[in-house]
C-alpha atoms as a PDB file:
ATOM      1  CA  UNK A   1     -13.450 -33.981 -17.373  1.00  0.00           C
ATOM      2  CA  UNK A   2     -10.307 -35.879 -16.446  1.00  0.00           C
ATOM      3  CA  UNK A   3      -6.769 -34.537 -16.510  1.00  0.00           C
ATOM      4  CA  UNK A   4      -5.967 -36.747 -19.514  1.00  0.00           C
ATOM      5  CA  UNK A   5      -8.793 -35.203 -21.555  1.00  0.00           C
ATOM      6  CA  UNK A   6      -7.711 -31.697 -20.584  1.00  0.00           C
ATOM      7  CA  UNK A   7      -4.153 -32.438 -21.732  1.00  0.00           C
ATOM      8  CA  UNK A   8      -5.572 -33.851 -24.976  1.00  0.00           C
ATOM      9  CA  UNK A   9      -7.578 -30.679 -25.571  1.00  0.00           C
ATOM     10  CA  UNK A  10      -4.517 -28.519 -24.882  1.00  0.00           C
ATOM     11  CA  UNK A  11      -2.476 -30.574 -27.364  1.00  0.00           C
ATOM     12  CA  UNK A  12      -5.146 -30.176 -30.043  1.00  0.00           C
ATOM     13  CA  UNK A  13      -5.271 -26.404 -29.556  1.00  0.00           C
ATOM     14  CA  UNK A  14      -1.452 -26.186 -29.567  1.00  0.00           C
ATOM     15  CA  UNK A  15      -1.245 -28.245 -32.776  1.00  0.00           C
ATOM     16  CA  UNK A  16      -3.812 -26.065 -34.542  1.00  0.00           C
ATOM     17  CA  UNK A  17      -1.999 -22.922 -33.374  1.00  0.00           C
ATOM     18  CA  UNK A  18       1.327 -24.299 -34.628  1.00  0.00           C
ATOM     19  CA  UNK A  19      -0.149 -25.000 -38.065  1.00  0.00           C
ATOM     20  CA  UNK A  20      -1.781 -21.557 -38.140  1.00  0.00           C
ATOM     21  CA  UNK A  21       1.293 -19.575 -37.188  1.00  0.00           C
ATOM     22  CA  UNK A  22       3.975 -21.748 -38.767  1.00  0.00           C
ATOM     23  CA  UNK A  23       6.529 -20.544 -36.227  1.00  0.00           C
ATOM     24  CA  UNK A  24       7.775 -17.398 -34.561  1.00  0.00           C
ATOM     25  CA  UNK A  25      10.756 -15.084 -34.687  1.00  0.00           C
ATOM     26  CA  UNK A  26      12.708 -13.148 -32.086  1.00  0.00           C
ATOM     27  CA  UNK A  27      15.600 -10.721 -32.022  1.00  0.00           C
ATOM     28  CA  UNK A  28      18.787 -11.753 -30.274  1.00  0.00           C
ATOM     29  CA  UNK A  29      21.331  -9.130 -29.296  1.00  0.00           C
ATOM     30  CA  UNK A  30      24.946 -10.209 -29.132  1.00  0.00           C
ATOM     31  CA  UNK A  31      27.831  -8.123 -27.833  1.00  0.00           C
ATOM     32  CA  UNK A  32      30.651  -8.299 -30.329  1.00  0.00           C
ATOM     33  CA  UNK A  33      33.281  -6.002 -28.860  1.00  0.00           C
ATOM     34  CA  UNK A  34      33.756  -3.668 -25.928  1.00  0.00           C
ATOM     35  CA  UNK A  35      36.680  -1.288 -26.181  1.00  0.00           C
ATOM     36  CA  UNK A  36      36.738   1.184 -23.339  1.00  0.00           C
ATOM     37  CA  UNK A  37      33.519   3.194 -23.323  1.00  0.00           C
ATOM     38  CA  UNK A  38      32.615   2.029 -26.856  1.00  0.00           C
ATOM     39  CA  UNK A  39      30.484  -1.089 -27.108  1.00  0.00           C
ATOM     40  CA  UNK A  40      29.575  -2.697 -30.403  1.00  0.00           C
ATOM     41  CA  UNK A  41      26.572  -4.967 -30.560  1.00  0.00           C
ATOM     42  CA  UNK A  42      24.711  -6.780 -33.291  1.00  0.00           C
ATOM     43  CA  UNK A  43      20.998  -7.536 -33.363  1.00  0.00           C
ATOM     44  CA  UNK A  44      20.265 -10.806 -35.098  1.00  0.00           C
ATOM     45  CA  UNK A  45      16.803 -12.034 -36.062  1.00  0.00           C
ATOM     46  CA  UNK A  46      16.191 -15.713 -35.291  1.00  0.00           C
ATOM     47  CA  UNK A  47      13.339 -17.737 -36.833  1.00  0.00           C
ATOM     48  CA  UNK A  48      11.887 -20.836 -35.204  1.00  0.00           C
ATOM     49  CA  UNK A  49       9.682 -22.874 -37.546  1.00  0.00           C
ATOM     50  CA  UNK A  50       7.270 -25.606 -36.459  1.00  0.00           C
ATOM     51  CA  UNK A  51       7.374 -28.645 -38.761  1.00  0.00           C
ATOM     52  CA  UNK A  52       3.956 -29.491 -40.192  1.00  0.00           C
ATOM     53  CA  UNK A  53       4.380 -33.182 -39.395  1.00  0.00           C
ATOM     54  CA  UNK A  54       4.994 -32.357 -35.716  1.00  0.00           C
ATOM     55  CA  UNK A  55       1.892 -30.164 -35.576  1.00  0.00           C
ATOM     56  CA  UNK A  56      -0.267 -32.893 -37.137  1.00  0.00           C
ATOM     57  CA  UNK A  57       1.219 -35.490 -34.775  1.00  0.00           C
ATOM     58  CA  UNK A  58       0.381 -33.245 -31.813  1.00  0.00           C
ATOM     59  CA  UNK A  59      -3.231 -32.977 -32.989  1.00  0.00           C
ATOM     60  CA  UNK A  60      -3.472 -36.760 -33.462  1.00  0.00           C
ATOM     61  CA  UNK A  61      -2.035 -37.507 -30.010  1.00  0.00           C
ATOM     62  CA  UNK A  62      -4.333 -34.902 -28.452  1.00  0.00           C
ATOM     63  CA  UNK A  63      -7.331 -36.450 -30.218  1.00  0.00           C
ATOM     64  CA  UNK A  64      -6.367 -39.915 -29.002  1.00  0.00           C
ATOM     65  CA  UNK A  65      -6.065 -38.647 -25.422  1.00  0.00           C
ATOM     66  CA  UNK A  66      -9.404 -36.871 -25.733  1.00  0.00           C
ATOM     67  CA  UNK A  67     -11.168 -39.981 -27.069  1.00  0.00           C
ATOM     68  CA  UNK A  68      -9.486 -42.707 -25.027  1.00  0.00           C
ATOM     69  CA  UNK A  69      -8.467 -40.696 -21.960  1.00  0.00           C
ATOM     70  CA  UNK A  70     -11.639 -41.103 -19.961  1.00  0.00           C
ATOM     71  CA  UNK A  71     -12.118 -44.832 -20.461  1.00  0.00           C
ATOM     72  CA  UNK A  72     -11.426 -47.230 -17.649  1.00  0.00           C
ATOM     73  CA  UNK A  73     -10.181 -50.592 -18.799  1.00  0.00           C
END
């Protein structure tokens, strides 16, 4: 299996995972104010969404690499 086909397979798996999960979220802590020994901070939840069109495009490109990657012209 060539490197191109391996990359294609990874792209297909990543595209399917992106469609399945839809995105991910994480908590970001920001320091708002520090006055002497008192420190105020805010925890903010951030969402990162994967566009469906990008996930499908990733699967298509991965499929193309998997199919055409091993051919010598």
